[in-house]
Amino acid sequence: MNLKSLIVIVFAFICLSTFAQSSPQTVAEFMVQTGLKDQVAQLDGMIQSKIEEKKTTFTKPEQFDLFKKIMNSGMNSKNAEKYIVEYLEKYTSEDSLNYVVTLYKDPFMQEFNRIEKESGTPASQQKMPAYFESFKTTPPAPERVQQLLSLTQDMKASEITVKMIRNIVVSMIKGGNNILPKSEQVSDKEITGQMDSVFNAEYEKKMTNQMLAYSLFVYKDVPDEKLNRYLEVWKTPTGKYCINKIVKAYDYAFSRMGEITGGSISTLGKGEN
């Protein structure tokens, strides 16, 4: 192979590597248009609730305070957004993300974005108990339940949520494990095994049912025909690409945040006794 041919091959490889990534501007627009940026901003509430659940496992308040500080240093919305953006810039293509952005700019998709955002407002959330209470006399039609089950599965809503909760819980268990005497600590393999037994298919099924119930509330005013059209969006190559990358971006972000807390949480118990 002569030098000229080698230069052409190297240049082509560099170009392919470049085009396989996405620009910060496109990723930023993807985050906004898909609502991912808003979703990430709400993670702090879920993380804090999980941290508070661990409070009773600490015998000393100062240990819990240190635990909370370390968990917050790694597990927070700021870090989540940072690593999600990092994943999207590295592992998506510019053209594919632009297709998704264009999809979300369609008035039809913007309407559903508005519906989904409004359902999360405090005023809307206050209406949920009465809505579910009405099921006692007027249960949802089986056809509507099946529609929303398909939507939940296509959007991988329960998969994303289960992975997030699992990553948070694993980080906290490793933190509690690290403050034990060496003789009482368990291996990462044992922790993973315990998590596999908890976050199993049955757990994901329960999460799917919760997501389904919430979807009944979110889309309660959407006609069947329009909901079917929305369902079809997530069956298209662009829709599937969007969901696939969001799932992987969340997984990447929470894994990286877990590394941060895992690296620093061993300082627990080194403070004042």
Protein backbone atom coordinates (compact mmCIF):
# COMPACT_ATOMS: atom_id res chain seq x y z
CA MET A 1 0.00 0.00 0.00
CA ASN A 2 1.47 3.36 -1.00
CA LEU A 3 1.46 6.48 1.17
CA LYS A 4 -1.29 8.18 -0.86
CA SER A 5 -3.67 5.24 -0.35
CA LEU A 6 -2.90 5.13 3.36
CA ILE A 7 -3.67 8.85 3.73
CA VAL A 8 -7.02 8.38 1.94
CA ILE A 9 -7.98 5.50 4.25
CA VAL A 10 -6.98 7.40 7.40
CA PHE A 11 -8.87 10.49 6.21
CA ALA A 12 -11.96 8.38 5.50
CA PHE A 13 -11.76 6.80 8.96
CA ILE A 14 -11.52 10.22 10.62
CA CYS A 15 -14.52 11.45 8.63
CA LEU A 16 -16.58 8.40 9.59
CA SER A 17 -15.68 8.88 13.25
CA THR A 18 -16.70 12.51 13.05
CA PHE A 19 -20.03 11.83 11.39
CA ALA A 20 -20.79 9.10 13.92
CA GLN A 21 -21.03 11.74 16.65
CA SER A 22 -23.42 14.58 17.34
CA SER A 23 -22.68 18.26 17.89
CA PRO A 24 -23.37 19.92 21.28
CA GLN A 25 -25.91 22.19 19.58
CA THR A 26 -27.91 19.28 18.15
CA VAL A 27 -27.78 17.38 21.45
CA ALA A 28 -28.94 20.48 23.33
CA GLU A 29 -31.91 20.84 20.98
CA PHE A 30 -32.67 17.12 21.29
CA MET A 31 -32.72 17.47 25.09
CA VAL A 32 -35.20 20.35 24.91
CA GLN A 33 -37.48 19.11 22.14
CA THR A 34 -37.90 15.61 23.57
CA GLY A 35 -38.53 16.96 27.08
CA LEU A 36 -35.51 15.03 28.34
CA LYS A 37 -34.01 18.15 29.91
CA ASP A 38 -37.16 18.72 31.98
CA GLN A 39 -37.30 15.06 32.99
CA VAL A 40 -33.71 15.12 34.22
CA ALA A 41 -34.37 18.26 36.28
CA GLN A 42 -37.01 16.29 38.22
CA LEU A 43 -34.63 13.49 39.23
CA ASP A 44 -33.49 15.22 42.42
CA GLY A 45 -36.87 14.63 44.04
CA MET A 46 -36.78 10.88 43.37
CA ILE A 47 -33.16 10.60 44.49
CA GLN A 48 -33.85 12.48 47.74
CA SER A 49 -36.80 10.25 48.59
CA LYS A 50 -34.66 7.13 48.12
CA ILE A 51 -31.89 8.59 50.30
CA GLU A 52 -34.37 9.42 53.09
CA GLU A 53 -35.63 5.82 53.01
CA LYS A 54 -32.17 4.74 54.21
CA LYS A 55 -32.15 7.07 57.23
CA THR A 56 -33.40 4.48 59.70
CA THR A 57 -30.55 2.11 58.81
CA PHE A 58 -27.99 4.44 60.40
CA THR A 59 -27.40 4.37 64.15
CA LYS A 60 -25.73 7.78 64.23
CA PRO A 61 -27.24 10.93 62.69
CA GLU A 62 -23.80 12.17 61.64
CA GLN A 63 -23.25 8.98 59.63
CA PHE A 64 -26.48 9.52 57.74
CA ASP A 65 -25.61 13.18 57.14
CA LEU A 66 -22.27 12.15 55.63
CA PHE A 67 -23.95 9.41 53.62
CA LYS A 68 -26.48 11.92 52.28
CA LYS A 69 -23.75 14.40 51.40
CA ILE A 70 -21.77 11.81 49.45
CA MET A 71 -24.84 10.46 47.67
CA ASN A 72 -25.87 13.97 46.67
CA SER A 73 -22.38 14.70 45.37
CA GLY A 74 -22.72 11.91 42.81
CA MET A 75 -26.43 11.33 42.35
CA ASN A 76 -28.01 14.59 41.22
CA SER A 77 -29.72 16.10 38.20
CA LYS A 78 -26.68 18.20 37.29
CA ASN A 79 -24.47 15.13 36.93
CA ALA A 80 -27.26 13.20 35.21
CA GLU A 81 -27.62 15.87 32.53
CA LYS A 82 -23.85 16.09 32.13
CA TYR A 83 -23.47 12.36 31.45
CA ILE A 84 -26.60 12.04 29.32
CA VAL A 85 -25.26 14.83 27.11
CA GLU A 86 -21.86 13.13 27.07
CA TYR A 87 -23.42 9.86 25.91
CA LEU A 88 -25.53 11.53 23.23
CA GLU A 89 -22.58 13.48 21.85
CA LYS A 90 -20.40 10.37 21.69
CA TYR A 91 -22.80 7.62 20.71
CA THR A 92 -25.43 9.13 18.42
CA SER A 93 -25.26 10.41 14.87
CA GLU A 94 -25.96 14.01 13.92
CA ASP A 95 -28.41 13.06 11.18
CA SER A 96 -30.39 10.67 13.36
CA LEU A 97 -30.76 13.19 16.19
CA ASN A 98 -31.86 15.82 13.68
CA TYR A 99 -34.58 13.44 12.45
CA VAL A 100 -35.81 13.12 16.04
CA VAL A 101 -35.73 16.90 16.56
CA THR A 102 -37.71 17.39 13.34
CA LEU A 103 -40.22 14.78 14.50
CA TYR A 104 -40.78 16.57 17.81
CA LYS A 105 -41.26 19.92 16.08
CA ASP A 106 -44.33 18.55 14.32
CA PRO A 107 -47.50 20.20 15.76
CA PHE A 108 -48.95 16.75 16.49
CA MET A 109 -45.97 15.81 18.69
CA GLN A 110 -45.95 19.23 20.32
CA GLU A 111 -49.56 18.69 21.32
CA PHE A 112 -48.64 15.45 23.10
CA ASN A 113 -45.64 17.11 24.70
CA ARG A 114 -47.99 19.72 26.12
CA ILE A 115 -50.42 17.05 27.37
CA GLU A 116 -47.62 15.12 29.08
CA LYS A 117 -46.13 18.23 30.71
CA GLU A 118 -49.48 19.50 31.97
CA SER A 119 -50.26 16.14 33.57
CA GLY A 120 -47.22 16.60 35.80
CA THR A 121 -48.23 19.99 37.21
CA PRO A 122 -49.33 20.16 40.88
CA ALA A 123 -52.84 21.27 39.85
CA SER A 124 -53.22 18.27 37.57
CA GLN A 125 -51.74 15.83 40.10
CA GLN A 126 -54.38 16.86 42.65
CA LYS A 127 -57.04 15.49 40.32
CA MET A 128 -55.51 12.00 40.18
CA PRO A 129 -57.14 10.47 43.30
CA ALA A 130 -60.64 11.42 42.15
CA TYR A 131 -59.90 10.12 38.65
CA PHE A 132 -58.80 6.70 39.93
CA GLU A 133 -61.72 6.62 42.36
CA SER A 134 -64.05 6.89 39.35
CA PHE A 135 -62.76 3.50 38.11
CA LYS A 136 -64.94 1.83 40.75
CA THR A 137 -68.05 2.76 38.79
CA THR A 138 -66.61 3.44 35.33
CA PRO A 139 -63.57 1.27 34.62
CA PRO A 140 -61.46 2.05 31.53
CA ALA A 141 -62.34 0.21 28.33
CA PRO A 142 -60.16 -2.86 27.65
CA GLU A 143 -59.24 -1.37 24.25
CA ARG A 144 -57.90 1.79 25.91
CA VAL A 145 -55.93 -0.28 28.43
CA GLN A 146 -54.34 -2.27 25.60
CA GLN A 147 -53.51 0.92 23.70
CA LEU A 148 -51.69 2.39 26.67
CA LEU A 149 -49.97 -0.88 27.52
CA SER A 150 -48.54 -0.89 24.00
CA LEU A 151 -47.48 2.74 24.40
CA THR A 152 -45.80 2.04 27.76
CA GLN A 153 -43.90 -0.88 26.26
CA ASP A 154 -42.89 0.96 23.09
CA MET A 155 -41.61 3.95 25.08
CA LYS A 156 -39.83 1.59 27.53
CA ALA A 157 -41.08 3.72 30.41
CA SER A 158 -40.90 0.97 33.03
CA GLU A 159 -37.48 -0.20 31.81
CA ILE A 160 -36.03 3.30 32.20
CA THR A 161 -37.56 3.74 35.66
CA VAL A 162 -36.43 0.34 36.92
CA LYS A 163 -32.87 0.96 35.76
CA MET A 164 -32.78 4.36 37.46
CA ILE A 165 -34.09 3.00 40.76
CA ARG A 166 -31.76 0.01 40.60
CA ASN A 167 -28.70 2.19 40.05
CA ILE A 168 -29.64 4.46 42.96
CA VAL A 169 -30.30 1.53 45.29
CA VAL A 170 -27.08 -0.26 44.30
CA SER A 171 -25.06 2.88 45.04
CA MET A 172 -26.69 3.21 48.46
CA ILE A 173 -26.18 -0.47 49.33
CA LYS A 174 -22.52 -0.21 48.39
CA GLY A 175 -22.29 2.86 50.60
CA GLY A 176 -23.76 1.05 53.59
CA ASN A 177 -21.56 -1.94 52.85
CA ASN A 178 -18.40 0.18 52.88
CA ILE A 179 -18.92 1.39 56.45
CA LEU A 180 -19.10 -2.13 57.81
CA PRO A 181 -16.00 -3.85 59.22
CA LYS A 182 -14.07 -5.65 56.48
CA SER A 183 -15.07 -9.01 57.91
CA GLU A 184 -18.77 -8.17 57.52
CA GLN A 185 -18.67 -6.64 54.03
CA VAL A 186 -20.11 -8.51 51.07
CA SER A 187 -18.70 -8.60 47.56
CA ASP A 188 -20.03 -6.62 44.61
CA LYS A 189 -21.04 -9.96 43.09
CA GLU A 190 -23.25 -10.71 46.10
CA ILE A 191 -24.81 -7.25 45.91
CA THR A 192 -25.53 -7.73 42.20
CA GLY A 193 -27.11 -11.11 42.96
CA GLN A 194 -29.34 -9.56 45.61
CA MET A 195 -30.39 -6.82 43.19
CA ASP A 196 -31.20 -9.39 40.50
CA SER A 197 -33.56 -11.10 42.92
CA VAL A 198 -35.29 -7.80 43.80
CA PHE A 199 -35.40 -6.09 40.41
CA ASN A 200 -36.69 -9.14 38.59
CA ALA A 201 -39.35 -9.63 35.94
CA GLU A 202 -42.10 -9.43 38.56
CA TYR A 203 -40.82 -6.06 39.79
CA GLU A 204 -40.74 -4.71 36.24
CA LYS A 205 -44.27 -6.03 35.70
CA LYS A 206 -45.47 -4.09 38.75
CA MET A 207 -43.71 -0.99 37.46
CA THR A 208 -45.37 -1.46 34.06
CA ASN A 209 -48.77 -1.62 35.78
CA GLN A 210 -48.02 1.61 37.65
CA MET A 211 -46.95 3.30 34.42
CA LEU A 212 -50.09 2.01 32.73
CA ALA A 213 -52.29 3.46 35.46
CA TYR A 214 -50.52 6.81 35.22
CA SER A 215 -50.88 6.78 31.42
CA LEU A 216 -54.64 6.30 31.77
CA PHE A 217 -54.68 9.59 33.66
CA VAL A 218 -52.26 11.45 31.37
CA TYR A 219 -54.08 10.60 28.13
CA LYS A 220 -57.62 10.49 29.55
CA ASP A 221 -58.84 13.25 27.21
CA VAL A 222 -57.07 11.97 24.08
CA PRO A 223 -59.39 10.25 21.54
CA ASP A 224 -58.56 6.66 20.58
CA GLU A 225 -57.83 7.57 16.97
CA LYS A 226 -55.31 10.23 17.95
CA LEU A 227 -53.68 7.94 20.51
CA ASN A 228 -53.31 5.23 17.86
CA ARG A 229 -51.51 7.72 15.65
CA TYR A 230 -49.21 8.60 18.55
CA LEU A 231 -48.54 4.91 19.08
CA GLU A 232 -47.47 4.54 15.47
CA VAL A 233 -44.83 7.25 15.93
CA TRP A 234 -42.89 5.01 18.34
CA LYS A 235 -42.96 2.13 15.89
CA THR A 236 -41.14 4.12 13.20
CA PRO A 237 -37.33 3.87 12.83
CA THR A 238 -36.95 7.43 14.14
CA GLY A 239 -39.21 6.75 17.12
CA LYS A 240 -37.40 3.53 17.98
CA TYR A 241 -34.01 5.22 17.62
CA CYS A 242 -35.09 8.02 19.96
CA ILE A 243 -36.30 5.68 22.73
CA ASN A 244 -33.32 3.35 22.36
CA LYS A 245 -30.84 6.20 22.78
CA ILE A 246 -32.70 7.70 25.74
CA VAL A 247 -32.68 4.32 27.53
CA LYS A 248 -28.95 3.90 26.93
CA ALA A 249 -28.19 7.51 27.87
CA TYR A 250 -29.96 7.12 31.22
CA ASP A 251 -28.16 3.83 31.88
CA TYR A 252 -24.82 5.41 31.03
CA ALA A 253 -25.48 8.45 33.24
CA PHE A 254 -26.55 6.48 36.30
CA SER A 255 -23.64 4.07 35.92
CA ARG A 256 -21.21 7.00 35.87
CA MET A 257 -22.90 8.64 38.85
CA GLY A 258 -22.68 5.32 40.68
CA GLU A 259 -18.94 5.28 40.06
CA ILE A 260 -18.64 8.71 41.70
CA THR A 261 -20.52 7.73 44.85
CA GLY A 262 -18.83 4.33 44.95
CA GLY A 263 -15.43 6.00 44.85
CA SER A 264 -16.12 8.47 47.64
CA ILE A 265 -18.61 6.73 49.86
CA SER A 266 -15.94 4.59 51.54
CA THR A 267 -15.09 7.67 53.65
CA LEU A 268 -18.24 6.96 55.68
CA GLY A 269 -17.41 6.06 59.23
CA LYS A 270 -14.09 7.89 59.12
CA GLY A 271 -15.59 10.97 60.70
CA GLU A 272 -16.24 11.53 64.36
CA ASN A 273 -17.48 8.57 66.35
